[in-house]
């Protein structure tokens, strides 16, 4: 018997939650760093967190944990 993948409605998938959370944290880091000077090291760290969040969501979707 073939197993059908679980259907997630409107982005309520683990991939969407993980990606959204990491991207939100990254934007918060960048926003705080921009207000503090700007502190370029933290801007780069926040940008890296945003990129990692996007990649994590894409990898999790490829693993079947996202909405098709």
PDB file of N, CA and C in Angstrom:
ATOM      1  N   UNK A   1       0.823  -1.178   0.000  1.00  0.00           N
ATOM      2  CA  UNK A   1       0.000   0.000   0.000  1.00  0.00           C
ATOM      3  C   UNK A   1       0.872   1.247   0.000  1.00  0.00           C
ATOM      4  N   UNK A   2       0.550   2.156  -0.864  1.00  0.00           N
ATOM      5  CA  UNK A   2       1.296   3.416  -0.924  1.00  0.00           C
ATOM      6  C   UNK A   2       0.733   4.383   0.108  1.00  0.00           C
ATOM      7  N   UNK A   3       1.637   5.048   0.777  1.00  0.00           N
ATOM      8  CA  UNK A   3       1.206   6.041   1.758  1.00  0.00           C
ATOM      9  C   UNK A   3       1.057   7.389   1.065  1.00  0.00           C
ATOM     10  N   UNK A   4      -0.034   8.059   1.327  1.00  0.00           N
ATOM     11  CA  UNK A   4      -0.225   9.387   0.753  1.00  0.00           C
ATOM     12  C   UNK A   4       0.391  10.413   1.700  1.00  0.00           C
ATOM     13  N   UNK A   5       1.035  11.430   1.143  1.00  0.00           N
ATOM     14  CA  UNK A   5       1.631  12.439   2.015  1.00  0.00           C
ATOM     15  C   UNK A   5       0.559  13.232   2.753  1.00  0.00           C
ATOM     16  N   UNK A   6       0.908  13.685   3.946  1.00  0.00           N
ATOM     17  CA  UNK A   6      -0.026  14.473   4.735  1.00  0.00           C
ATOM     18  C   UNK A   6      -0.221  15.828   4.068  1.00  0.00           C
ATOM     19  N   UNK A   7      -1.465  16.270   3.982  1.00  0.00           N
ATOM     20  CA  UNK A   7      -1.766  17.550   3.356  1.00  0.00           C
ATOM     21  C   UNK A   7      -1.820  18.642   4.425  1.00  0.00           C
ATOM     22  N   UNK A   8      -1.070  19.707   4.197  1.00  0.00           N
ATOM     23  CA  UNK A   8      -1.073  20.859   5.087  1.00  0.00           C
ATOM     24  C   UNK A   8      -1.792  22.003   4.387  1.00  0.00           C
ATOM     25  N   UNK A   9      -2.663  22.662   5.093  1.00  0.00           N
ATOM     26  CA  UNK A   9      -3.483  23.710   4.502  1.00  0.00           C
ATOM     27  C   UNK A   9      -2.944  25.095   4.853  1.00  0.00           C
ATOM     28  N   UNK A  10      -2.744  25.936   3.860  1.00  0.00           N
ATOM     29  CA  UNK A  10      -2.342  27.334   4.025  1.00  0.00           C
ATOM     30  C   UNK A  10      -1.055  27.504   4.827  1.00  0.00           C
ATOM     31  N   UNK A  11      -0.039  26.758   4.516  1.00  0.00           N
ATOM     32  CA  UNK A  11       1.262  26.969   5.131  1.00  0.00           C
ATOM     33  C   UNK A  11       1.390  26.497   6.563  1.00  0.00           C
ATOM     34  N   UNK A  12       0.535  25.617   6.994  1.00  0.00           N
ATOM     35  CA  UNK A  12       0.617  25.104   8.361  1.00  0.00           C
ATOM     36  C   UNK A  12       1.470  23.843   8.416  1.00  0.00           C
ATOM     37  N   UNK A  13       2.548  23.852   7.694  1.00  0.00           N
ATOM     38  CA  UNK A  13       3.423  22.690   7.655  1.00  0.00           C
ATOM     39  C   UNK A  13       4.658  22.954   8.515  1.00  0.00           C
ATOM     40  N   UNK A  14       5.338  21.895   8.920  1.00  0.00           N
ATOM     41  CA  UNK A  14       6.571  22.093   9.680  1.00  0.00           C
ATOM     42  C   UNK A  14       7.600  22.926   8.916  1.00  0.00           C
ATOM     43  N   UNK A  15       7.665  22.754   7.614  1.00  0.00           N
ATOM     44  CA  UNK A  15       8.615  23.540   6.815  1.00  0.00           C
ATOM     45  C   UNK A  15       8.266  25.020   6.855  1.00  0.00           C
ATOM     46  N   UNK A  16       6.998  25.342   6.749  1.00  0.00           N
ATOM     47  CA  UNK A  16       6.572  26.743   6.784  1.00  0.00           C
ATOM     48  C   UNK A  16       6.834  27.360   8.155  1.00  0.00           C
ATOM     49  N   UNK A  17       6.559  26.620   9.212  1.00  0.00           N
ATOM     50  CA  UNK A  17       6.798  27.145  10.560  1.00  0.00           C
ATOM     51  C   UNK A  17       8.277  27.371  10.811  1.00  0.00           C
ATOM     52  N   UNK A  18       9.106  26.406  10.445  1.00  0.00           N
ATOM     53  CA  UNK A  18      10.547  26.553  10.672  1.00  0.00           C
ATOM     54  C   UNK A  18      11.117  27.704   9.850  1.00  0.00           C
ATOM     55  N   UNK A  19      10.745  27.763   8.592  1.00  0.00           N
ATOM     56  CA  UNK A  19      11.244  28.840   7.732  1.00  0.00           C
ATOM     57  C   UNK A  19      10.797  30.203   8.209  1.00  0.00           C
ATOM     58  N   UNK A  20       9.528  30.335   8.554  1.00  0.00           N
ATOM     59  CA  UNK A  20       8.999  31.617   9.014  1.00  0.00           C
ATOM     60  C   UNK A  20       9.641  32.057  10.326  1.00  0.00           C
ATOM     61  N   UNK A  21       9.821  31.126  11.241  1.00  0.00           N
ATOM     62  CA  UNK A  21      10.426  31.475  12.529  1.00  0.00           C
ATOM     63  C   UNK A  21      11.867  31.944  12.355  1.00  0.00           C
ATOM     64  N   UNK A  22      12.649  31.214  11.567  1.00  0.00           N
ATOM     65  CA  UNK A  22      14.045  31.604  11.372  1.00  0.00           C
ATOM     66  C   UNK A  22      14.164  32.933  10.629  1.00  0.00           C
ATOM     67  N   UNK A  23      13.341  33.144   9.630  1.00  0.00           N
ATOM     68  CA  UNK A  23      13.387  34.403   8.890  1.00  0.00           C
ATOM     69  C   UNK A  23      12.964  35.561   9.797  1.00  0.00           C
ATOM     70  N   UNK A  24      11.964  35.352  10.649  1.00  0.00           N
ATOM     71  CA  UNK A  24      11.538  36.403  11.574  1.00  0.00           C
ATOM     72  C   UNK A  24      12.653  36.764  12.553  1.00  0.00           C
ATOM     73  N   UNK A  25      13.327  35.750  13.086  1.00  0.00           N
ATOM     74  CA  UNK A  25      14.450  36.004  13.994  1.00  0.00           C
ATOM     75  C   UNK A  25      15.561  36.771  13.268  1.00  0.00           C
ATOM     76  N   UNK A  26      15.831  36.382  12.032  1.00  0.00           N
ATOM     77  CA  UNK A  26      16.850  37.078  11.249  1.00  0.00           C
ATOM     78  C   UNK A  26      16.505  38.542  11.029  1.00  0.00           C
ATOM     79  N   UNK A  27      15.238  38.824  10.704  1.00  0.00           N
ATOM     80  CA  UNK A  27      14.820  40.212  10.506  1.00  0.00           C
ATOM     81  C   UNK A  27      14.889  41.011  11.798  1.00  0.00           C
ATOM     82  N   UNK A  28      14.572  40.392  12.919  1.00  0.00           N
ATOM     83  CA  UNK A  28      14.681  41.087  14.200  1.00  0.00           C
ATOM     84  C   UNK A  28      16.136  41.434  14.489  1.00  0.00           C
ATOM     85  N   UNK A  29      17.051  40.489  14.229  1.00  0.00           N
ATOM     86  CA  UNK A  29      18.479  40.756  14.442  1.00  0.00           C
ATOM     87  C   UNK A  29      18.934  41.911  13.559  1.00  0.00           C
ATOM     88  N   UNK A  30      18.543  41.902  12.293  1.00  0.00           N
ATOM     89  CA  UNK A  30      18.947  42.970  11.368  1.00  0.00           C
ATOM     90  C   UNK A  30      18.358  44.307  11.804  1.00  0.00           C
ATOM     91  N   UNK A  31      17.108  44.319  12.234  1.00  0.00           N
ATOM     92  CA  UNK A  31      16.472  45.574  12.647  1.00  0.00           C
ATOM     93  C   UNK A  31      17.154  46.165  13.877  1.00  0.00           C
ATOM     94  N   UNK A  32      17.442  45.333  14.860  1.00  0.00           N
ATOM     95  CA  UNK A  32      18.124  45.819  16.059  1.00  0.00           C
ATOM     96  C   UNK A  32      19.518  46.307  15.708  1.00  0.00           C
ATOM     97  N   UNK A  33      20.227  45.571  14.866  1.00  0.00           N
ATOM     98  CA  UNK A  33      21.580  45.966  14.463  1.00  0.00           C
ATOM     99  C   UNK A  33      21.559  47.279  13.687  1.00  0.00           C
ATOM    100  N   UNK A  34      20.539  47.489  12.882  1.00  0.00           N
ATOM    101  CA  UNK A  34      20.441  48.735  12.119  1.00  0.00           C
ATOM    102  C   UNK A  34      20.209  49.930  13.043  1.00  0.00           C
ATOM    103  N   UNK A  35      19.472  49.713  14.120  1.00  0.00           N
ATOM    104  CA  UNK A  35      19.214  50.807  15.062  1.00  0.00           C
ATOM    105  C   UNK A  35      20.418  51.103  15.952  1.00  0.00           C
ATOM    106  N   UNK A  36      21.326  50.166  16.064  1.00  0.00           N
ATOM    107  CA  UNK A  36      22.482  50.342  16.954  1.00  0.00           C
ATOM    108  C   UNK A  36      23.699  50.899  16.252  1.00  0.00           C
ATOM    109  N   UNK A  37      23.521  51.515  15.140  1.00  0.00           N
ATOM    110  CA  UNK A  37      24.722  52.140  14.646  1.00  0.00           C
ATOM    111  C   UNK A  37      24.887  52.390  13.184  1.00  0.00           C
ATOM    112  N   UNK A  38      24.803  51.576  12.290  1.00  0.00           N
ATOM    113  CA  UNK A  38      24.507  50.138  12.247  1.00  0.00           C
ATOM    114  C   UNK A  38      25.718  49.279  12.638  1.00  0.00           C
ATOM    115  N   UNK A  39      25.432  48.195  13.291  1.00  0.00           N
ATOM    116  CA  UNK A  39      26.451  47.226  13.681  1.00  0.00           C
ATOM    117  C   UNK A  39      26.529  46.186  12.567  1.00  0.00           C
ATOM    118  N   UNK A  40      27.478  46.379  11.663  1.00  0.00           N
ATOM    119  CA  UNK A  40      27.521  45.585  10.436  1.00  0.00           C
ATOM    120  C   UNK A  40      27.735  44.102  10.683  1.00  0.00           C
ATOM    121  N   UNK A  41      28.444  43.755  11.725  1.00  0.00           N
ATOM    122  CA  UNK A  41      28.639  42.328  12.033  1.00  0.00           C
ATOM    123  C   UNK A  41      27.294  41.656  12.300  1.00  0.00           C
ATOM    124  N   UNK A  42      26.439  42.326  13.073  1.00  0.00           N
ATOM    125  CA  UNK A  42      25.135  41.747  13.391  1.00  0.00           C
ATOM    126  C   UNK A  42      24.179  41.801  12.207  1.00  0.00           C
ATOM    127  N   UNK A  43      24.341  42.782  11.350  1.00  0.00           N
ATOM    128  CA  UNK A  43      23.540  42.812  10.120  1.00  0.00           C
ATOM    129  C   UNK A  43      23.868  41.587   9.269  1.00  0.00           C
ATOM    130  N   UNK A  44      25.142  41.259   9.166  1.00  0.00           N
ATOM    131  CA  UNK A  44      25.558  40.088   8.396  1.00  0.00           C
ATOM    132  C   UNK A  44      25.068  38.798   9.058  1.00  0.00           C
ATOM    133  N   UNK A  45      25.148  38.733  10.390  1.00  0.00           N
ATOM    134  CA  UNK A  45      24.654  37.552  11.107  1.00  0.00           C
ATOM    135  C   UNK A  45      23.147  37.382  10.879  1.00  0.00           C
ATOM    136  N   UNK A  46      22.389  38.469  10.963  1.00  0.00           N
ATOM    137  CA  UNK A  46      20.947  38.405  10.729  1.00  0.00           C
ATOM    138  C   UNK A  46      20.625  37.978   9.313  1.00  0.00           C
ATOM    139  N   UNK A  47      21.391  38.494   8.358  1.00  0.00           N
ATOM    140  CA  UNK A  47      21.186  38.105   6.966  1.00  0.00           C
ATOM    141  C   UNK A  47      21.474  36.611   6.779  1.00  0.00           C
ATOM    142  N   UNK A  48      22.504  36.117   7.440  1.00  0.00           N
ATOM    143  CA  UNK A  48      22.820  34.690   7.354  1.00  0.00           C
ATOM    144  C   UNK A  48      21.690  33.844   7.942  1.00  0.00           C
ATOM    145  N   UNK A  49      21.092  34.306   9.040  1.00  0.00           N
ATOM    146  CA  UNK A  49      19.973  33.574   9.641  1.00  0.00           C
ATOM    147  C   UNK A  49      18.786  33.548   8.680  1.00  0.00           C
ATOM    148  N   UNK A  50      18.545  34.655   7.974  1.00  0.00           N
ATOM    149  CA  UNK A  50      17.459  34.699   6.993  1.00  0.00           C
ATOM    150  C   UNK A  50      17.701  33.685   5.875  1.00  0.00           C
ATOM    151  N   UNK A  51      18.925  33.634   5.372  1.00  0.00           N
ATOM    152  CA  UNK A  51      19.259  32.691   4.296  1.00  0.00           C
ATOM    153  C   UNK A  51      19.135  31.252   4.792  1.00  0.00           C
ATOM    154  N   UNK A  52      19.597  30.991   6.003  1.00  0.00           N
ATOM    155  CA  UNK A  52      19.490  29.643   6.575  1.00  0.00           C
ATOM    156  C   UNK A  52      18.025  29.246   6.742  1.00  0.00           C
ATOM    157  N   UNK A  53      17.177  30.182   7.152  1.00  0.00           N
ATOM    158  CA  UNK A  53      15.747  29.900   7.285  1.00  0.00           C
ATOM    159  C   UNK A  53      15.109  29.534   5.962  1.00  0.00           C
ATOM    160  N   UNK A  54      15.474  30.267   4.912  1.00  0.00           N
ATOM    161  CA  UNK A  54      14.928  29.960   3.590  1.00  0.00           C
ATOM    162  C   UNK A  54      15.412  28.595   3.102  1.00  0.00           C
ATOM    163  N   UNK A  55      16.676  28.305   3.319  1.00  0.00           N
ATOM    164  CA  UNK A  55      17.214  26.998   2.913  1.00  0.00           C
ATOM    165  C   UNK A  55      16.596  25.863   3.727  1.00  0.00           C
ATOM    166  N   UNK A  56      16.403  26.085   5.024  1.00  0.00           N
ATOM    167  CA  UNK A  56      15.795  25.051   5.868  1.00  0.00           C
ATOM    168  C   UNK A  56      14.383  24.738   5.401  1.00  0.00           C
ATOM    169  N   UNK A  57      13.626  25.771   5.065  1.00  0.00           N
ATOM    170  CA  UNK A  57      12.261  25.543   4.573  1.00  0.00           C
ATOM    171  C   UNK A  57      12.274  24.778   3.254  1.00  0.00           C
ATOM    172  N   UNK A  58      13.201  25.124   2.368  1.00  0.00           N
ATOM    173  CA  UNK A  58      13.276  24.428   1.080  1.00  0.00           C
ATOM    174  C   UNK A  58      13.677  22.964   1.259  1.00  0.00           C
ATOM    175  N   UNK A  59      14.628  22.704   2.141  1.00  0.00           N
ATOM    176  CA  UNK A  59      15.078  21.328   2.380  1.00  0.00           C
ATOM    177  C   UNK A  59      13.950  20.520   3.036  1.00  0.00           C
ATOM    178  N   UNK A  60      13.281  21.118   4.009  1.00  0.00           N
ATOM    179  CA  UNK A  60      12.188  20.402   4.670  1.00  0.00           C
ATOM    180  C   UNK A  60      11.035  20.127   3.711  1.00  0.00           C
ATOM    181  N   UNK A  61      10.766  21.062   2.789  1.00  0.00           N
ATOM    182  CA  UNK A  61       9.729  20.825   1.797  1.00  0.00           C
ATOM    183  C   UNK A  61      10.135  19.685   0.870  1.00  0.00           C
ATOM    184  N   UNK A  62      11.402  19.631   0.501  1.00  0.00           N
ATOM    185  CA  UNK A  62      11.893  18.547  -0.358  1.00  0.00           C
ATOM    186  C   UNK A  62      11.820  17.192   0.358  1.00  0.00           C
ATOM    187  N   UNK A  63      11.915  17.228   1.688  1.00  0.00           N
ATOM    188  CA  UNK A  63      11.808  15.995   2.481  1.00  0.00           C
ATOM    189  C   UNK A  63      10.358  15.554   2.671  1.00  0.00           C
ATOM    190  N   UNK A  64       9.418  16.347   2.191  1.00  0.00           N
ATOM    191  CA  UNK A  64       8.018  15.974   2.305  1.00  0.00           C
ATOM    192  C   UNK A  64       7.320  16.588   3.499  1.00  0.00           C
ATOM    193  N   UNK A  65       7.942  17.560   4.162  1.00  0.00           N
ATOM    194  CA  UNK A  65       7.350  18.177   5.329  1.00  0.00           C
ATOM    195  C   UNK A  65       6.695  19.519   5.029  1.00  0.00           C
ATOM    196  N   UNK A  66       6.509  19.796   3.749  1.00  0.00           N
ATOM    197  CA  UNK A  66       5.903  21.055   3.348  1.00  0.00           C
ATOM    198  C   UNK A  66       4.708  20.845   2.470  1.00  0.00           C
ATOM    199  N   UNK A  67       4.092  21.936   2.097  1.00  0.00           N
ATOM    200  CA  UNK A  67       2.928  21.873   1.223  1.00  0.00           C
ATOM    201  C   UNK A  67       3.406  21.730  -0.221  1.00  0.00           C
ATOM    202  N   UNK A  68       2.803  20.829  -0.987  1.00  0.00           N
ATOM    203  CA  UNK A  68       3.262  20.625  -2.366  1.00  0.00           C
ATOM    204  C   UNK A  68       3.014  21.805  -3.271  1.00  0.00           C
TER     205      UNK A  68
END
